[in-house]
């Protein structure tokens, strides 16, 4: 275990939606194709990723996933990315 004999937990995470995202594709190229990465920084096996929602600045993912081994004090980082 990472933290000695501290208890770890399974963490259920839901990424519902986002609104008014920046259009990183530019005016002529359509809209962004956003997805979300949820991770515990520095723990490569503790990462989730939503599906990509194409051409949408107000995406709805309704994604639920689980990270196991989450410890008290761990940081959970949410990053919204554009597929292209």
N, C-alpha and C. Protein backbone atom coordinates (compact mmCIF):
# COMPACT_ATOMS: atom_id res chain seq x y z
N UNK A 1 0.82 -1.22 0.00
CA UNK A 1 0.00 0.00 0.00
C UNK A 1 0.85 1.26 0.00
N UNK A 2 0.31 2.30 -0.57
CA UNK A 2 1.07 3.55 -0.70
C UNK A 2 1.30 4.23 0.64
N UNK A 3 0.34 4.16 1.55
CA UNK A 3 0.41 4.92 2.79
C UNK A 3 0.49 4.01 4.01
N UNK A 4 1.31 2.99 3.94
CA UNK A 4 1.44 2.11 5.09
C UNK A 4 0.16 1.33 5.30
N UNK A 5 -0.37 1.35 6.52
CA UNK A 5 -1.58 0.57 6.79
C UNK A 5 -2.83 1.43 6.97
N UNK A 6 -2.85 2.59 6.32
CA UNK A 6 -4.07 3.39 6.30
C UNK A 6 -5.10 2.72 5.40
N UNK A 7 -6.36 2.89 5.70
CA UNK A 7 -7.42 2.29 4.89
C UNK A 7 -7.57 3.06 3.58
N UNK A 8 -7.80 2.31 2.51
CA UNK A 8 -8.09 2.94 1.23
C UNK A 8 -9.55 2.67 0.90
N UNK A 9 -10.07 3.47 -0.02
CA UNK A 9 -11.49 3.38 -0.34
C UNK A 9 -11.68 3.29 -1.85
N UNK A 10 -12.85 2.78 -2.22
CA UNK A 10 -13.30 2.88 -3.61
C UNK A 10 -14.12 4.15 -3.69
N UNK A 11 -13.77 4.99 -4.62
CA UNK A 11 -14.44 6.28 -4.77
C UNK A 11 -15.25 6.26 -6.06
N UNK A 12 -16.57 6.44 -5.95
CA UNK A 12 -17.42 6.52 -7.13
C UNK A 12 -17.51 7.98 -7.54
N UNK A 13 -17.24 8.25 -8.81
CA UNK A 13 -17.18 9.61 -9.33
C UNK A 13 -18.15 9.73 -10.49
N UNK A 14 -18.96 10.79 -10.47
CA UNK A 14 -19.86 11.08 -11.59
C UNK A 14 -19.47 12.42 -12.21
N UNK A 15 -19.26 12.41 -13.53
CA UNK A 15 -19.04 13.64 -14.29
C UNK A 15 -20.32 13.84 -15.09
N UNK A 16 -21.11 14.81 -14.67
CA UNK A 16 -22.42 15.01 -15.27
C UNK A 16 -22.36 15.82 -16.56
N UNK A 17 -21.89 17.07 -16.47
CA UNK A 17 -21.93 17.95 -17.64
C UNK A 17 -21.05 19.16 -17.42
N UNK A 18 -20.94 19.98 -18.46
CA UNK A 18 -20.25 21.26 -18.38
C UNK A 18 -21.03 22.25 -19.23
N UNK A 19 -20.80 23.53 -18.99
CA UNK A 19 -21.51 24.53 -19.81
C UNK A 19 -20.60 25.70 -20.14
N UNK A 20 -20.87 26.30 -21.27
CA UNK A 20 -20.14 27.48 -21.75
C UNK A 20 -18.64 27.25 -21.84
N UNK A 21 -18.24 26.09 -22.38
CA UNK A 21 -16.82 25.82 -22.55
C UNK A 21 -16.24 26.73 -23.63
N UNK A 22 -14.96 26.99 -23.51
CA UNK A 22 -14.23 27.76 -24.52
C UNK A 22 -14.16 26.94 -25.81
N UNK A 23 -14.40 27.60 -26.95
CA UNK A 23 -14.31 26.91 -28.24
C UNK A 23 -12.86 26.93 -28.71
N UNK A 24 -12.13 25.89 -28.37
CA UNK A 24 -10.70 25.85 -28.70
C UNK A 24 -10.45 25.48 -30.16
N UNK A 25 -11.49 25.13 -30.90
CA UNK A 25 -11.30 24.76 -32.31
C UNK A 25 -11.32 25.97 -33.25
N UNK A 26 -11.66 27.14 -32.74
CA UNK A 26 -11.69 28.33 -33.59
C UNK A 26 -13.02 28.48 -34.30
N UNK A 27 -13.24 29.65 -34.86
CA UNK A 27 -14.54 30.01 -35.43
C UNK A 27 -14.91 29.14 -36.64
N UNK A 28 -13.96 28.82 -37.49
CA UNK A 28 -14.27 28.13 -38.74
C UNK A 28 -14.25 26.61 -38.63
N UNK A 29 -13.73 26.09 -37.56
CA UNK A 29 -13.49 24.64 -37.48
C UNK A 29 -14.58 23.89 -36.72
N UNK A 30 -15.69 24.51 -36.43
CA UNK A 30 -16.70 23.84 -35.62
C UNK A 30 -16.47 24.13 -34.15
N UNK A 31 -17.01 23.28 -33.30
CA UNK A 31 -16.90 23.49 -31.86
C UNK A 31 -15.94 22.47 -31.25
N UNK A 32 -15.60 22.70 -29.99
CA UNK A 32 -14.71 21.79 -29.27
C UNK A 32 -15.32 20.40 -29.17
N UNK A 33 -14.45 19.42 -28.96
CA UNK A 33 -14.84 18.02 -28.76
C UNK A 33 -14.36 17.61 -27.36
N UNK A 34 -15.08 18.04 -26.32
CA UNK A 34 -14.55 17.90 -24.96
C UNK A 34 -14.69 16.51 -24.35
N UNK A 35 -13.74 16.21 -23.48
CA UNK A 35 -13.81 15.04 -22.61
C UNK A 35 -13.14 15.41 -21.30
N UNK A 36 -13.34 14.60 -20.28
CA UNK A 36 -12.81 14.90 -18.96
C UNK A 36 -11.91 13.75 -18.50
N UNK A 37 -10.76 14.12 -17.94
CA UNK A 37 -9.89 13.16 -17.27
C UNK A 37 -10.00 13.43 -15.77
N UNK A 38 -10.28 12.39 -15.01
CA UNK A 38 -10.32 12.46 -13.55
C UNK A 38 -9.17 11.60 -13.05
N UNK A 39 -8.30 12.18 -12.21
CA UNK A 39 -7.13 11.41 -11.78
C UNK A 39 -6.63 11.84 -10.41
N UNK A 40 -5.91 10.92 -9.79
CA UNK A 40 -5.11 11.24 -8.62
C UNK A 40 -3.71 11.48 -9.16
N UNK A 41 -3.23 12.74 -9.15
CA UNK A 41 -1.93 13.05 -9.75
C UNK A 41 -0.83 12.15 -9.19
N UNK A 42 0.01 11.64 -10.09
CA UNK A 42 1.12 10.80 -9.70
C UNK A 42 0.78 9.33 -9.54
N UNK A 43 -0.49 8.97 -9.68
CA UNK A 43 -0.92 7.57 -9.56
C UNK A 43 -1.51 7.14 -10.89
N UNK A 44 -0.68 6.58 -11.75
CA UNK A 44 -1.08 6.27 -13.12
C UNK A 44 -2.27 5.32 -13.20
N UNK A 45 -2.42 4.43 -12.22
CA UNK A 45 -3.52 3.46 -12.25
C UNK A 45 -4.80 4.03 -11.65
N UNK A 46 -4.78 5.28 -11.24
CA UNK A 46 -5.97 5.90 -10.63
C UNK A 46 -6.45 7.03 -11.52
N UNK A 47 -7.00 6.64 -12.68
CA UNK A 47 -7.40 7.62 -13.69
C UNK A 47 -8.64 7.13 -14.42
N UNK A 48 -9.56 8.05 -14.67
CA UNK A 48 -10.77 7.77 -15.45
C UNK A 48 -10.85 8.78 -16.58
N UNK A 49 -11.54 8.41 -17.66
CA UNK A 49 -11.76 9.34 -18.76
C UNK A 49 -13.16 9.14 -19.32
N UNK A 50 -13.86 10.25 -19.54
CA UNK A 50 -15.19 10.19 -20.14
C UNK A 50 -15.06 9.96 -21.64
N UNK A 51 -16.16 9.70 -22.29
CA UNK A 51 -16.20 9.69 -23.74
C UNK A 51 -16.07 11.13 -24.25
N UNK A 52 -15.71 11.27 -25.51
CA UNK A 52 -15.66 12.57 -26.18
C UNK A 52 -17.07 12.93 -26.63
N UNK A 53 -17.47 14.18 -26.42
CA UNK A 53 -18.73 14.69 -26.97
C UNK A 53 -18.34 15.64 -28.10
N UNK A 54 -18.67 15.27 -29.33
CA UNK A 54 -18.21 16.02 -30.50
C UNK A 54 -18.99 17.31 -30.72
N UNK A 55 -18.27 18.35 -31.12
CA UNK A 55 -18.85 19.64 -31.51
C UNK A 55 -19.85 20.18 -30.50
N UNK A 56 -19.41 20.30 -29.25
CA UNK A 56 -20.35 20.70 -28.20
C UNK A 56 -19.65 21.55 -27.14
N UNK A 57 -20.20 22.74 -26.87
CA UNK A 57 -19.66 23.60 -25.82
C UNK A 57 -20.42 23.45 -24.51
N UNK A 58 -21.51 22.69 -24.52
CA UNK A 58 -22.30 22.40 -23.32
C UNK A 58 -22.51 20.89 -23.21
N UNK A 59 -21.41 20.14 -23.06
CA UNK A 59 -21.50 18.68 -23.13
C UNK A 59 -22.19 18.06 -21.92
N UNK A 60 -22.87 16.95 -22.18
CA UNK A 60 -23.45 16.12 -21.12
C UNK A 60 -22.81 14.75 -21.25
N UNK A 61 -22.06 14.35 -20.22
CA UNK A 61 -21.39 13.04 -20.24
C UNK A 61 -22.19 12.00 -19.46
N UNK A 62 -22.78 12.39 -18.34
CA UNK A 62 -23.46 11.44 -17.45
C UNK A 62 -22.61 10.19 -17.24
N UNK A 63 -21.34 10.42 -16.95
CA UNK A 63 -20.36 9.34 -16.80
C UNK A 63 -20.17 9.03 -15.31
N UNK A 64 -20.18 7.76 -14.98
CA UNK A 64 -19.86 7.33 -13.62
C UNK A 64 -18.77 6.27 -13.68
N UNK A 65 -17.75 6.46 -12.87
CA UNK A 65 -16.65 5.51 -12.81
C UNK A 65 -16.16 5.37 -11.38
N UNK A 66 -15.22 4.47 -11.18
CA UNK A 66 -14.73 4.20 -9.84
C UNK A 66 -13.20 4.22 -9.82
N UNK A 67 -12.66 4.87 -8.81
CA UNK A 67 -11.22 4.83 -8.56
C UNK A 67 -11.02 4.06 -7.27
N UNK A 68 -10.19 3.02 -7.32
CA UNK A 68 -9.92 2.24 -6.12
C UNK A 68 -8.57 2.63 -5.56
N UNK A 69 -8.42 2.48 -4.25
CA UNK A 69 -7.18 2.82 -3.59
C UNK A 69 -7.08 4.27 -3.19
N UNK A 70 -8.19 5.00 -3.24
CA UNK A 70 -8.18 6.41 -2.84
C UNK A 70 -7.94 6.52 -1.34
N UNK A 71 -7.02 7.39 -0.96
CA UNK A 71 -6.64 7.54 0.44
C UNK A 71 -7.01 8.92 0.95
N UNK A 72 -7.26 9.01 2.24
CA UNK A 72 -7.49 10.31 2.87
C UNK A 72 -6.29 11.21 2.59
N UNK A 73 -6.54 12.38 2.07
CA UNK A 73 -5.45 13.29 1.73
C UNK A 73 -5.08 13.27 0.26
N UNK A 74 -5.52 12.26 -0.50
CA UNK A 74 -5.26 12.25 -1.94
C UNK A 74 -5.98 13.42 -2.62
N UNK A 75 -5.39 13.91 -3.67
CA UNK A 75 -5.98 14.99 -4.47
C UNK A 75 -6.69 14.36 -5.67
N UNK A 76 -7.86 14.88 -5.98
CA UNK A 76 -8.60 14.43 -7.16
C UNK A 76 -8.62 15.59 -8.15
N UNK A 77 -8.06 15.38 -9.35
CA UNK A 77 -7.98 16.45 -10.33
C UNK A 77 -8.89 16.14 -11.51
N UNK A 78 -9.69 17.15 -11.89
CA UNK A 78 -10.57 17.07 -13.06
C UNK A 78 -10.00 17.99 -14.13
N UNK A 79 -9.76 17.44 -15.33
CA UNK A 79 -9.22 18.25 -16.43
C UNK A 79 -10.14 18.08 -17.64
N UNK A 80 -10.62 19.20 -18.17
CA UNK A 80 -11.43 19.17 -19.39
C UNK A 80 -10.48 19.36 -20.56
N UNK A 81 -10.51 18.42 -21.51
CA UNK A 81 -9.63 18.44 -22.66
C UNK A 81 -10.44 18.53 -23.95
N UNK A 82 -9.78 18.93 -25.04
CA UNK A 82 -10.39 18.93 -26.38
C UNK A 82 -9.71 17.84 -27.19
N UNK A 83 -10.51 16.99 -27.83
CA UNK A 83 -9.97 15.82 -28.54
C UNK A 83 -8.92 16.23 -29.59
N UNK A 84 -9.16 17.30 -30.29
CA UNK A 84 -8.18 17.71 -31.30
C UNK A 84 -7.57 19.03 -30.91
